[in-house]
C-alpha atoms as a PDB file:
ATOM      1  CA  MET A   1      56.422  56.031  15.473  1.00  0.00           C
ATOM      2  CA  ASN A   2      58.178  52.618  16.766  1.00  0.00           C
ATOM      3  CA  THR A   3      55.722  49.875  14.842  1.00  0.00           C
ATOM      4  CA  SER A   4      57.055  47.014  17.719  1.00  0.00           C
ATOM      5  CA  ARG A   5      55.042  46.854  21.003  1.00  0.00           C
ATOM      6  CA  GLU A   6      56.996  46.315  24.225  1.00  0.00           C
ATOM      7  CA  LEU A   7      54.603  44.357  26.616  1.00  0.00           C
ATOM      8  CA  PHE A   8      55.728  45.449  30.406  1.00  0.00           C
ATOM      9  CA  LEU A   9      53.621  43.240  33.405  1.00  0.00           C
ATOM     10  CA  LEU A  10      54.537  46.155  36.347  1.00  0.00           C
ATOM     11  CA  THR A  11      55.212  44.152  39.519  1.00  0.00           C
ATOM     12  CA  GLY A  12      52.052  45.179  41.965  1.00  0.00           C
ATOM     13  CA  GLY A  13      50.004  45.978  39.070  1.00  0.00           C
ATOM     14  CA  GLY A  14      46.848  43.785  39.023  1.00  0.00           C
ATOM     15  CA  VAL A  15      44.258  44.754  40.551  1.00  0.00           C
ATOM     16  CA  ARG A  16      41.265  42.257  41.987  1.00  0.00           C
ATOM     17  CA  LEU A  17      38.194  42.213  39.935  1.00  0.00           C
ATOM     18  CA  ASN A  18      35.099  39.879  41.303  1.00  0.00           C
ATOM     19  CA  GLY A  19      37.374  38.072  43.321  1.00  0.00           C
ATOM     20  CA  GLU A  20      40.103  37.358  40.374  1.00  0.00           C
ATOM     21  CA  TYR A  21      43.054  38.850  39.875  1.00  0.00           C
ATOM     22  CA  VAL A  22      43.240  41.414  36.946  1.00  0.00           C
ATOM     23  CA  PRO A  23      46.837  42.301  35.385  1.00  0.00           C
ATOM     24  CA  VAL A  24      47.137  45.511  34.355  1.00  0.00           C
ATOM     25  CA  GLN A  25      49.322  46.415  31.674  1.00  0.00           C
ATOM     26  CA  ALA A  26      51.526  48.892  29.844  1.00  0.00           C
ATOM     27  CA  ILE A  27      52.386  48.612  26.359  1.00  0.00           C
ATOM     28  CA  LYS A  28      54.993  50.955  25.273  1.00  0.00           C
ATOM     29  CA  ILE A  29      53.754  52.430  22.171  1.00  0.00           C
ATOM     30  CA  ASP A  30      56.122  54.448  21.394  1.00  0.00           C
ATOM     31  CA  GLU A  31      59.117  56.382  23.362  1.00  0.00           C
ATOM     32  CA  GLY A  32      56.850  58.108  26.291  1.00  0.00           C
ATOM     33  CA  PHE A  33      53.891  56.953  24.710  1.00  0.00           C
ATOM     34  CA  TRP A  34      52.173  54.380  27.027  1.00  0.00           C
ATOM     35  CA  SER A  35      48.620  52.091  26.366  1.00  0.00           C
ATOM     36  CA  ILE A  36      47.663  51.076  29.792  1.00  0.00           C
ATOM     37  CA  GLU A  37      45.018  47.892  29.729  1.00  0.00           C
ATOM     38  CA  GLU A  38      42.839  47.141  32.468  1.00  0.00           C
ATOM     39  CA  ASN A  39      40.064  44.436  31.981  1.00  0.00           C
ATOM     40  CA  GLY A  40      39.165  45.500  28.500  1.00  0.00           C
ATOM     41  CA  VAL A  41      39.144  49.138  28.884  1.00  0.00           C
ATOM     42  CA  ARG A  42      42.671  51.698  27.723  1.00  0.00           C
ATOM     43  CA  CYS A  43      43.933  54.716  29.287  1.00  0.00           C
ATOM     44  CA  PHE A  44      46.932  56.514  27.650  1.00  0.00           C
ATOM     45  CA  LEU A  45      50.044  57.746  29.510  1.00  0.00           C
ATOM     46  CA  ILE A  46      52.477  60.338  27.288  1.00  0.00           C
ATOM     47  CA  GLU A  47      55.181  62.095  28.167  1.00  0.00           C
ATOM     48  CA  GLY A  48      55.989  65.608  27.622  1.00  0.00           C
ATOM     49  CA  ASP A  49      59.205  67.742  28.701  1.00  0.00           C
ATOM     50  CA  GLY A  50      58.159  68.773  31.899  1.00  0.00           C
ATOM     51  CA  ARG A  51      54.988  66.894  32.540  1.00  0.00           C
ATOM     52  CA  ALA A  52      52.678  64.039  31.394  1.00  0.00           C
ATOM     53  CA  MET A  53      49.410  63.771  30.513  1.00  0.00           C
ATOM     54  CA  LEU A  54      46.847  61.032  31.428  1.00  0.00           C
ATOM     55  CA  VAL A  55      43.991  60.203  29.489  1.00  0.00           C
ATOM     56  CA  ASP A  56      41.093  58.354  31.320  1.00  0.00           C
ATOM     57  CA  THR A  57      41.854  56.501  34.292  1.00  0.00           C
ATOM     58  CA  GLY A  58      39.641  53.364  33.616  1.00  0.00           C
ATOM     59  CA  PHE A  59      36.836  51.625  36.139  1.00  0.00           C
ATOM     60  CA  GLY A  60      38.717  52.422  39.115  1.00  0.00           C
ATOM     61  CA  THR A  61      39.641  48.829  40.440  1.00  0.00           C
ATOM     62  CA  GLY A  62      43.040  49.413  41.267  1.00  0.00           C
ATOM     63  CA  ASP A  63      45.516  52.460  41.895  1.00  0.00           C
ATOM     64  CA  ILE A  64      46.147  53.669  38.816  1.00  0.00           C
ATOM     65  CA  LYS A  65      47.818  56.592  39.661  1.00  0.00           C
ATOM     66  CA  ALA A  66      51.050  54.589  41.327  1.00  0.00           C
ATOM     67  CA  PHE A  67      51.056  52.298  38.113  1.00  0.00           C
ATOM     68  CA  VAL A  68      51.302  54.892  36.248  1.00  0.00           C
ATOM     69  CA  GLN A  69      53.971  56.895  38.433  1.00  0.00           C
ATOM     70  CA  LYS A  70      56.306  53.568  37.681  1.00  0.00           C
ATOM     71  CA  LEU A  71      56.181  54.330  34.498  1.00  0.00           C
ATOM     72  CA  THR A  72      56.971  58.302  34.827  1.00  0.00           C
ATOM     73  CA  LYS A  73      58.875  60.597  37.150  1.00  0.00           C
ATOM     74  CA  LEU A  74      57.203  63.410  35.468  1.00  0.00           C
ATOM     75  CA  PRO A  75      53.929  65.073  37.314  1.00  0.00           C
ATOM     76  CA  ILE A  76      50.823  64.032  35.402  1.00  0.00           C
ATOM     77  CA  PHE A  77      47.651  65.597  35.232  1.00  0.00           C
ATOM     78  CA  LEU A  78      44.489  64.322  33.785  1.00  0.00           C
ATOM     79  CA  VAL A  79      42.122  64.704  30.553  1.00  0.00           C
ATOM     80  CA  ASN A  80      38.780  62.669  30.625  1.00  0.00           C
ATOM     81  CA  THR A  81      37.289  61.750  26.982  1.00  0.00           C
ATOM     82  CA  HIS A  82      34.030  61.721  28.112  1.00  0.00           C
ATOM     83  CA  ALA A  83      32.307  61.119  31.400  1.00  0.00           C
ATOM     84  CA  ASP A  84      31.120  57.172  31.421  1.00  0.00           C
ATOM     85  CA  GLY A  85      32.366  55.180  34.609  1.00  0.00           C
ATOM     86  CA  ASP A  86      34.529  53.110  32.792  1.00  0.00           C
ATOM     87  CA  HIS A  87      36.817  56.529  32.122  1.00  0.00           C
ATOM     88  CA  LEU A  88      36.717  57.797  35.426  1.00  0.00           C
ATOM     89  CA  GLY A  89      36.642  55.141  37.863  1.00  0.00           C
ATOM     90  CA  CYS A  90      39.971  56.765  39.483  1.00  0.00           C
ATOM     91  CA  ASN A  91      39.654  59.941  38.889  1.00  0.00           C
ATOM     92  CA  GLY A  92      39.695  60.843  42.356  1.00  0.00           C
ATOM     93  CA  MET A  93      43.224  60.270  42.763  1.00  0.00           C
ATOM     94  CA  PHE A  94      43.479  63.734  40.837  1.00  0.00           C
ATOM     95  CA  ASP A  95      43.237  67.390  42.324  1.00  0.00           C
ATOM     96  CA  GLU A  96      42.551  68.766  39.112  1.00  0.00           C
ATOM     97  CA  VAL A  97      40.394  66.795  35.998  1.00  0.00           C
ATOM     98  CA  TYR A  98      40.467  68.126  32.377  1.00  0.00           C
ATOM     99  CA  MET A  99      37.082  67.348  30.306  1.00  0.00           C
ATOM    100  CA  SER A 100      34.533  69.126  27.627  1.00  0.00           C
ATOM    101  CA  PRO A 101      32.278  71.390  30.223  1.00  0.00           C
ATOM    102  CA  CYS A 102      29.416  69.709  28.021  1.00  0.00           C
ATOM    103  CA  GLU A 103      30.532  66.593  30.394  1.00  0.00           C
ATOM    104  CA  PHE A 104      30.574  68.155  33.527  1.00  0.00           C
ATOM    105  CA  ASP A 105      26.667  67.566  34.947  1.00  0.00           C
ATOM    106  CA  TYR A 106      27.132  64.211  33.992  1.00  0.00           C
ATOM    107  CA  TYR A 107      30.316  63.683  35.933  1.00  0.00           C
ATOM    108  CA  ALA A 108      28.340  65.843  38.702  1.00  0.00           C
ATOM    109  CA  ALA A 109      25.190  63.372  38.292  1.00  0.00           C
ATOM    110  CA  GLY A 110      27.417  60.472  39.467  1.00  0.00           C
ATOM    111  CA  GLY A 111      27.806  62.059  42.700  1.00  0.00           C
ATOM    112  CA  ARG A 112      31.620  62.492  41.995  1.00  0.00           C
ATOM    113  CA  ASP A 113      33.411  65.769  43.271  1.00  0.00           C
ATOM    114  CA  SER A 114      32.850  68.449  40.535  1.00  0.00           C
ATOM    115  CA  SER A 115      34.995  70.958  41.756  1.00  0.00           C
ATOM    116  CA  VAL A 116      38.087  69.535  40.026  1.00  0.00           C
ATOM    117  CA  LEU A 117      36.822  70.037  37.068  1.00  0.00           C
ATOM    118  CA  ARG A 118      38.590  71.853  34.570  1.00  0.00           C
ATOM    119  CA  PRO A 119      37.364  72.869  31.098  1.00  0.00           C
ATOM    120  CA  LEU A 120      39.025  71.610  27.660  1.00  0.00           C
ATOM    121  CA  TRP A 121      37.817  73.072  24.412  1.00  0.00           C
ATOM    122  CA  GLU A 122      37.025  72.353  20.875  1.00  0.00           C
ATOM    123  CA  GLY A 123      40.014  73.398  19.196  1.00  0.00           C
ATOM    124  CA  GLU A 124      42.412  74.051  22.376  1.00  0.00           C
ATOM    125  CA  ILE A 125      46.071  72.294  22.138  1.00  0.00           C
ATOM    126  CA  ILE A 126      47.564  70.556  24.958  1.00  0.00           C
ATOM    127  CA  ASP A 127      51.116  71.393  24.746  1.00  0.00           C
ATOM    128  CA  LEU A 128      53.473  68.856  26.293  1.00  0.00           C
ATOM    129  CA  GLY A 129      56.357  70.623  24.809  1.00  0.00           C
ATOM    130  CA  THR A 130      57.373  66.894  22.791  1.00  0.00           C
ATOM    131  CA  ARG A 131      53.879  66.823  21.688  1.00  0.00           C
ATOM    132  CA  LYS A 132      50.769  68.902  20.724  1.00  0.00           C
ATOM    133  CA  PHE A 133      47.688  67.644  21.161  1.00  0.00           C
ATOM    134  CA  GLU A 134      44.351  69.159  19.685  1.00  0.00           C
ATOM    135  CA  VAL A 135      40.739  68.932  21.111  1.00  0.00           C
ATOM    136  CA  ILE A 136      38.407  67.466  18.894  1.00  0.00           C
ATOM    137  CA  SER A 137      34.416  67.247  20.089  1.00  0.00           C
ATOM    138  CA  ILE A 138      32.663  63.994  18.932  1.00  0.00           C
ATOM    139  CA  PRO A 139      29.292  64.528  20.524  1.00  0.00           C
ATOM    140  CA  GLY A 140      27.288  61.188  20.246  1.00  0.00           C
ATOM    141  CA  HIS A 141      28.763  59.034  22.432  1.00  0.00           C
ATOM    142  CA  THR A 142      28.299  61.212  25.044  1.00  0.00           C
ATOM    143  CA  PRO A 143      27.394  65.062  24.729  1.00  0.00           C
ATOM    144  CA  GLY A 144      30.417  66.279  25.214  1.00  0.00           C
ATOM    145  CA  SER A 145      33.316  63.120  23.968  1.00  0.00           C
ATOM    146  CA  ILE A 146      36.505  64.339  23.413  1.00  0.00           C
ATOM    147  CA  ALA A 147      38.660  62.986  20.971  1.00  0.00           C
ATOM    148  CA  LEU A 148      42.797  64.027  21.213  1.00  0.00           C
ATOM    149  CA  LEU A 149      44.682  64.753  17.685  1.00  0.00           C
ATOM    150  CA  ASP A 150      48.237  64.268  18.022  1.00  0.00           C
ATOM    151  CA  SER A 151      49.387  67.047  15.155  1.00  0.00           C
ATOM    152  CA  ASP A 152      53.272  65.885  14.707  1.00  0.00           C
END
């Protein structure tokens, strides 16, 4: 993995939060692997061979979909690590949302459209071609919290 980190402040990547301009930053961690920083919350974009995975969508103070489309030309699918509001603020911009089924009720209780939810099960492998991620259940913070283990 590349140990040097490149910081990119993309044009139009800022958002207004409580009347103040807050930049959304994309930090390139490795080739095809980005950390998206928004007001202290991190999301991740990982490119594969034919698609890209966005992990979480932050507070929802901006248009994260348009922002990550500046980083990749691949089709993007969304995985949520859990259903707290600071991880799914822009979920409404995506047609499908993958997460642990243990989070479905919590997600829907926030008045969100649960028809877009798709289950991710413990031990399931998300295969991006160039990278594979194993879904690991880590209940505690919320009942269905997950981690994604990059086995490569």
